[in-house]
């Protein structure tokens, strides 16, 4: 079981997850084996303020980036090295549930005022 919340699997061999009950904040990547269904290493931080990740089949990662107490959130693109590629659209109030298309070219999400 992943130590964090809302894990999503990346074909690169990682479970991407949000904060858990171990006091670890932000978005983390845990090396994971599908063959053994076990972690194969220690989780590393992807984004200190990241949450609600989605991963496309090609490994493209999108997530909400912003402080948990902040009403406005911003979707951001990062490459496989964690380098920020840019923001998607404008900050929106109460965003959630980003979901990438399998090809990583489209995104759907919720937002409400």
N, C-alpha and C. Protein backbone atom coordinates (compact mmCIF):
# COMPACT_ATOMS: atom_id res chain seq x y z
N UNK A 1 0.84 -1.18 0.00
CA UNK A 1 0.00 0.00 0.00
C UNK A 1 0.88 1.24 0.00
N UNK A 2 0.54 2.22 -0.81
CA UNK A 2 1.29 3.47 -0.87
C UNK A 2 1.08 4.25 0.42
N UNK A 3 2.11 4.95 0.87
CA UNK A 3 2.00 5.69 2.12
C UNK A 3 1.22 6.98 2.00
N UNK A 4 0.79 7.35 0.82
CA UNK A 4 0.09 8.61 0.63
C UNK A 4 -1.31 8.43 0.10
N UNK A 5 -1.89 9.55 -0.30
CA UNK A 5 -3.28 9.54 -0.76
C UNK A 5 -3.36 9.58 -2.28
N UNK A 6 -4.44 9.05 -2.82
CA UNK A 6 -4.79 9.11 -4.24
C UNK A 6 -3.64 8.72 -5.16
N UNK A 7 -3.06 7.51 -5.01
CA UNK A 7 -1.94 7.14 -5.87
C UNK A 7 -2.38 6.87 -7.31
N UNK A 8 -1.53 7.26 -8.25
CA UNK A 8 -1.71 6.94 -9.67
C UNK A 8 -0.41 6.34 -10.16
N UNK A 9 -0.51 5.34 -11.04
CA UNK A 9 0.68 4.65 -11.51
C UNK A 9 1.20 5.28 -12.80
N UNK A 10 2.50 5.48 -12.85
CA UNK A 10 3.17 5.95 -14.05
C UNK A 10 3.88 4.76 -14.69
N UNK A 11 3.78 4.63 -16.00
CA UNK A 11 4.42 3.52 -16.70
C UNK A 11 5.93 3.55 -16.55
N UNK A 12 6.47 4.63 -16.01
CA UNK A 12 7.90 4.72 -15.73
C UNK A 12 8.27 3.94 -14.47
N UNK A 13 7.27 3.34 -13.80
CA UNK A 13 7.53 2.52 -12.63
C UNK A 13 7.41 3.24 -11.30
N UNK A 14 6.53 4.22 -11.23
CA UNK A 14 6.34 4.97 -9.98
C UNK A 14 4.86 5.07 -9.64
N UNK A 15 4.59 5.07 -8.34
CA UNK A 15 3.28 5.49 -7.84
C UNK A 15 3.43 6.95 -7.46
N UNK A 16 2.63 7.79 -8.08
CA UNK A 16 2.62 9.21 -7.76
C UNK A 16 1.49 9.41 -6.76
N UNK A 17 1.79 9.99 -5.61
CA UNK A 17 0.76 10.12 -4.57
C UNK A 17 0.88 11.43 -3.82
N UNK A 18 -0.23 11.79 -3.19
CA UNK A 18 -0.28 12.99 -2.37
C UNK A 18 0.15 12.69 -0.95
N UNK A 19 -0.01 13.67 -0.07
CA UNK A 19 0.41 13.50 1.32
C UNK A 19 -0.32 12.35 2.00
N UNK A 20 0.36 11.72 2.91
CA UNK A 20 -0.23 10.64 3.69
C UNK A 20 -0.22 10.97 5.16
N UNK A 21 -0.38 9.96 5.97
CA UNK A 21 -0.43 10.17 7.41
C UNK A 21 0.94 10.13 8.06
N UNK A 22 2.00 10.07 7.27
CA UNK A 22 3.36 10.04 7.82
C UNK A 22 3.98 11.43 7.94
N UNK A 23 3.18 12.47 7.70
CA UNK A 23 3.67 13.83 7.81
C UNK A 23 4.40 14.32 6.57
N UNK A 24 4.39 13.53 5.49
CA UNK A 24 5.05 13.94 4.26
C UNK A 24 4.09 14.80 3.47
N UNK A 25 4.52 16.00 3.12
CA UNK A 25 3.65 16.89 2.38
C UNK A 25 3.91 16.84 0.90
N UNK A 26 2.98 17.37 0.14
CA UNK A 26 3.16 17.52 -1.29
C UNK A 26 3.03 16.23 -2.08
N UNK A 27 3.44 16.32 -3.33
CA UNK A 27 3.35 15.21 -4.27
C UNK A 27 4.67 14.45 -4.27
N UNK A 28 4.57 13.10 -4.23
CA UNK A 28 5.76 12.26 -4.14
C UNK A 28 5.69 11.14 -5.18
N UNK A 29 6.87 10.63 -5.54
CA UNK A 29 6.97 9.51 -6.48
C UNK A 29 7.64 8.35 -5.75
N UNK A 30 6.96 7.22 -5.70
CA UNK A 30 7.45 6.02 -5.03
C UNK A 30 7.79 4.97 -6.08
N UNK A 31 9.08 4.55 -6.18
CA UNK A 31 9.41 3.48 -7.12
C UNK A 31 8.59 2.23 -6.76
N UNK A 32 7.98 1.60 -7.79
CA UNK A 32 7.03 0.54 -7.52
C UNK A 32 7.09 -0.54 -8.61
N UNK A 33 7.07 -1.79 -8.18
CA UNK A 33 7.09 -2.92 -9.10
C UNK A 33 5.68 -3.48 -9.29
N UNK A 34 5.22 -3.53 -10.54
CA UNK A 34 3.94 -4.15 -10.82
C UNK A 34 4.03 -5.67 -10.66
N UNK A 35 5.21 -6.24 -10.89
CA UNK A 35 5.38 -7.69 -10.78
C UNK A 35 5.17 -8.17 -9.34
N UNK A 36 5.76 -7.45 -8.38
CA UNK A 36 5.65 -7.86 -6.98
C UNK A 36 4.59 -7.08 -6.21
N UNK A 37 4.08 -6.01 -6.83
CA UNK A 37 3.13 -5.10 -6.17
C UNK A 37 3.70 -4.56 -4.87
N UNK A 38 4.99 -4.23 -4.90
CA UNK A 38 5.70 -3.71 -3.74
C UNK A 38 6.56 -2.51 -4.13
N UNK A 39 6.77 -1.58 -3.18
CA UNK A 39 7.72 -0.49 -3.43
C UNK A 39 9.12 -1.07 -3.63
N UNK A 40 9.91 -0.41 -4.48
CA UNK A 40 11.27 -0.87 -4.73
C UNK A 40 12.30 0.16 -4.28
N UNK A 41 11.88 1.16 -3.56
CA UNK A 41 12.78 2.21 -3.08
C UNK A 41 12.01 3.19 -2.21
N UNK A 42 12.66 4.29 -1.95
CA UNK A 42 12.06 5.35 -1.12
C UNK A 42 11.38 6.39 -2.01
N UNK A 43 10.29 6.95 -1.52
CA UNK A 43 9.58 8.01 -2.24
C UNK A 43 10.43 9.28 -2.25
N UNK A 44 10.34 10.01 -3.36
CA UNK A 44 11.03 11.29 -3.49
C UNK A 44 10.00 12.37 -3.77
N UNK A 45 10.30 13.58 -3.34
CA UNK A 45 9.39 14.71 -3.53
C UNK A 45 9.39 15.16 -4.99
N UNK A 46 8.21 15.38 -5.53
CA UNK A 46 8.07 15.94 -6.87
C UNK A 46 7.75 17.43 -6.76
N UNK A 47 6.81 17.77 -5.89
CA UNK A 47 6.40 19.16 -5.70
C UNK A 47 5.90 19.33 -4.28
N UNK A 48 6.53 20.24 -3.55
CA UNK A 48 6.19 20.46 -2.15
C UNK A 48 4.72 20.82 -1.95
N UNK A 49 4.16 21.57 -2.91
CA UNK A 49 2.76 22.00 -2.80
C UNK A 49 1.86 21.30 -3.81
N UNK A 50 2.32 20.17 -4.39
CA UNK A 50 1.55 19.48 -5.40
C UNK A 50 0.47 18.59 -4.80
N UNK A 51 -0.57 18.37 -5.59
CA UNK A 51 -1.67 17.49 -5.20
C UNK A 51 -2.48 17.10 -6.42
N UNK A 52 -3.31 16.08 -6.31
CA UNK A 52 -4.25 15.65 -7.37
C UNK A 52 -3.55 15.41 -8.71
N UNK A 53 -2.68 14.42 -8.76
CA UNK A 53 -1.92 14.12 -9.97
C UNK A 53 -2.70 13.25 -10.94
N UNK A 54 -2.34 13.37 -12.22
CA UNK A 54 -2.80 12.48 -13.27
C UNK A 54 -1.62 12.22 -14.19
N UNK A 55 -1.49 10.97 -14.67
CA UNK A 55 -0.37 10.59 -15.52
C UNK A 55 -0.91 9.95 -16.80
N UNK A 56 -0.43 10.42 -17.96
CA UNK A 56 -0.83 9.84 -19.24
C UNK A 56 0.00 8.59 -19.51
N UNK A 57 -0.39 7.82 -20.51
CA UNK A 57 0.33 6.59 -20.85
C UNK A 57 1.77 6.84 -21.25
N UNK A 58 2.07 8.02 -21.78
CA UNK A 58 3.45 8.31 -22.18
C UNK A 58 4.30 8.86 -21.03
N UNK A 59 3.73 8.92 -19.82
CA UNK A 59 4.46 9.40 -18.65
C UNK A 59 4.27 10.87 -18.36
N UNK A 60 3.52 11.58 -19.19
CA UNK A 60 3.24 13.00 -18.95
C UNK A 60 2.49 13.13 -17.62
N UNK A 61 2.94 14.06 -16.80
CA UNK A 61 2.38 14.27 -15.47
C UNK A 61 1.76 15.66 -15.39
N UNK A 62 0.56 15.74 -14.83
CA UNK A 62 -0.07 17.02 -14.55
C UNK A 62 -0.62 16.95 -13.13
N UNK A 63 -0.57 18.08 -12.42
CA UNK A 63 -1.08 18.12 -11.05
C UNK A 63 -1.41 19.54 -10.66
N UNK A 64 -2.17 19.67 -9.59
CA UNK A 64 -2.46 20.99 -9.04
C UNK A 64 -1.25 21.43 -8.23
N UNK A 65 -0.82 22.66 -8.44
CA UNK A 65 0.33 23.19 -7.74
C UNK A 65 -0.10 24.42 -6.96
N UNK A 66 -0.04 24.35 -5.66
CA UNK A 66 -0.43 25.48 -4.83
C UNK A 66 -0.63 25.06 -3.40
N UNK A 67 -0.57 26.01 -2.51
CA UNK A 67 -0.75 25.72 -1.09
C UNK A 67 -2.16 25.20 -0.84
N UNK A 68 -2.27 24.21 0.03
CA UNK A 68 -3.56 23.57 0.32
C UNK A 68 -4.60 24.58 0.81
N UNK A 69 -4.16 25.62 1.51
CA UNK A 69 -5.11 26.60 2.03
C UNK A 69 -5.47 27.68 1.02
N UNK A 70 -4.81 27.67 -0.13
CA UNK A 70 -5.03 28.69 -1.14
C UNK A 70 -6.30 28.37 -1.92
N UNK A 71 -7.17 29.35 -2.11
CA UNK A 71 -8.42 29.14 -2.83
C UNK A 71 -8.16 28.99 -4.33
N UNK A 72 -7.18 29.70 -4.87
CA UNK A 72 -6.86 29.59 -6.29
C UNK A 72 -5.80 28.52 -6.51
N UNK A 73 -5.96 27.75 -7.56
CA UNK A 73 -4.98 26.74 -7.92
C UNK A 73 -4.59 26.89 -9.37
N UNK A 74 -3.44 26.31 -9.73
CA UNK A 74 -2.94 26.38 -11.09
C UNK A 74 -2.50 24.98 -11.52
N UNK A 75 -2.92 24.57 -12.71
CA UNK A 75 -2.41 23.32 -13.29
C UNK A 75 -1.07 23.61 -13.93
N UNK A 76 -0.11 22.71 -13.76
CA UNK A 76 1.21 22.90 -14.34
C UNK A 76 1.66 21.64 -15.07
N UNK A 77 2.50 21.81 -16.10
CA UNK A 77 3.14 20.70 -16.80
C UNK A 77 4.57 20.61 -16.28
N UNK A 78 5.05 19.39 -16.09
CA UNK A 78 6.46 19.15 -15.75
C UNK A 78 6.98 18.03 -16.63
N UNK A 79 8.27 18.08 -16.95
CA UNK A 79 8.83 16.98 -17.73
C UNK A 79 9.23 15.85 -16.78
N UNK A 80 9.78 14.78 -17.33
CA UNK A 80 10.10 13.61 -16.52
C UNK A 80 11.20 13.86 -15.51
N UNK A 81 11.96 14.93 -15.68
CA UNK A 81 12.99 15.30 -14.71
C UNK A 81 12.44 16.21 -13.63
N UNK A 82 11.15 16.52 -13.69
CA UNK A 82 10.52 17.39 -12.70
C UNK A 82 10.63 18.86 -13.02
N UNK A 83 11.22 19.18 -14.16
CA UNK A 83 11.40 20.56 -14.57
C UNK A 83 10.06 21.17 -14.99
N UNK A 84 9.77 22.34 -14.48
CA UNK A 84 8.53 23.03 -14.81
C UNK A 84 8.53 23.45 -16.27
N UNK A 85 7.52 23.02 -17.02
CA UNK A 85 7.39 23.39 -18.44
C UNK A 85 6.46 24.56 -18.63
N UNK A 86 5.50 24.73 -17.72
CA UNK A 86 4.58 25.85 -17.84
C UNK A 86 3.27 25.58 -17.15
N UNK A 87 2.47 26.61 -17.09
CA UNK A 87 1.14 26.52 -16.49
C UNK A 87 0.11 26.27 -17.57
N UNK A 88 -1.02 25.70 -17.17
CA UNK A 88 -2.12 25.45 -18.09
C UNK A 88 -3.25 26.39 -17.70
N UNK A 89 -3.56 27.33 -18.56
CA UNK A 89 -4.64 28.26 -18.28
C UNK A 89 -4.32 29.21 -17.14
N UNK A 90 -5.36 29.77 -16.60
CA UNK A 90 -5.25 30.75 -15.52
C UNK A 90 -5.58 30.08 -14.18
N UNK A 91 -5.10 30.64 -13.06
CA UNK A 91 -5.51 30.11 -11.76
C UNK A 91 -7.03 30.13 -11.65
N UNK A 92 -7.57 29.08 -11.08
CA UNK A 92 -9.01 28.93 -10.94
C UNK A 92 -9.35 28.62 -9.49
N UNK A 93 -10.54 29.03 -9.04
CA UNK A 93 -10.93 28.70 -7.67
C UNK A 93 -11.33 27.22 -7.55
N UNK A 94 -10.96 26.63 -6.47
CA UNK A 94 -11.39 25.29 -6.06
C UNK A 94 -11.34 24.29 -7.22
N UNK A 95 -10.14 24.09 -7.77
CA UNK A 95 -9.96 23.12 -8.84
C UNK A 95 -9.70 21.74 -8.24
N UNK A 96 -10.02 20.73 -9.02
CA UNK A 96 -9.74 19.37 -8.56
C UNK A 96 -9.90 18.36 -9.67
N UNK A 97 -9.48 17.15 -9.36
CA UNK A 97 -9.67 15.98 -10.21
C UNK A 97 -9.12 16.13 -11.63
N UNK A 98 -7.87 16.59 -11.80
CA UNK A 98 -7.35 16.65 -13.17
C UNK A 98 -7.21 15.24 -13.73
N UNK A 99 -7.53 15.06 -14.99
CA UNK A 99 -7.40 13.77 -15.66
C UNK A 99 -6.87 13.99 -17.08
N UNK A 100 -5.71 13.41 -17.37
CA UNK A 100 -5.12 13.52 -18.69
C UNK A 100 -5.70 12.47 -19.62
N UNK A 101 -5.78 12.81 -20.90
CA UNK A 101 -6.14 11.81 -21.90
C UNK A 101 -4.97 10.83 -22.03
N UNK A 102 -5.20 9.62 -22.53
CA UNK A 102 -4.10 8.65 -22.65
C UNK A 102 -2.90 9.17 -23.44
N UNK A 103 -3.14 10.03 -24.44
CA UNK A 103 -2.01 10.55 -25.23
C UNK A 103 -1.35 11.77 -24.59
N UNK A 104 -1.88 12.24 -23.46
CA UNK A 104 -1.29 13.36 -22.73
C UNK A 104 -1.49 14.72 -23.37
N UNK A 105 -2.40 14.84 -24.33
CA UNK A 105 -2.60 16.10 -25.05
C UNK A 105 -3.80 16.91 -24.58
N UNK A 106 -4.70 16.28 -23.82
CA UNK A 106 -5.89 16.97 -23.34
C UNK A 106 -6.05 16.71 -21.85
N UNK A 107 -6.73 17.65 -21.20
CA UNK A 107 -6.97 17.50 -19.77
C UNK A 107 -8.41 17.91 -19.46
N UNK A 108 -8.99 17.19 -18.53
CA UNK A 108 -10.31 17.56 -18.01
C UNK A 108 -10.16 17.72 -16.51
N UNK A 109 -10.96 18.61 -15.93
CA UNK A 109 -10.88 18.83 -14.50
C UNK A 109 -12.15 19.52 -14.02
N UNK A 110 -12.29 19.58 -12.72
CA UNK A 110 -13.43 20.30 -12.16
C UNK A 110 -12.96 21.62 -11.57
N UNK A 111 -13.88 22.58 -11.52
CA UNK A 111 -13.63 23.86 -10.89
C UNK A 111 -14.97 24.44 -10.48
N UNK A 112 -14.99 25.09 -9.34
CA UNK A 112 -16.24 25.70 -8.90
C UNK A 112 -15.93 26.97 -8.14
N UNK A 113 -16.91 27.84 -8.10
CA UNK A 113 -16.74 29.10 -7.36
C UNK A 113 -17.42 29.01 -6.04
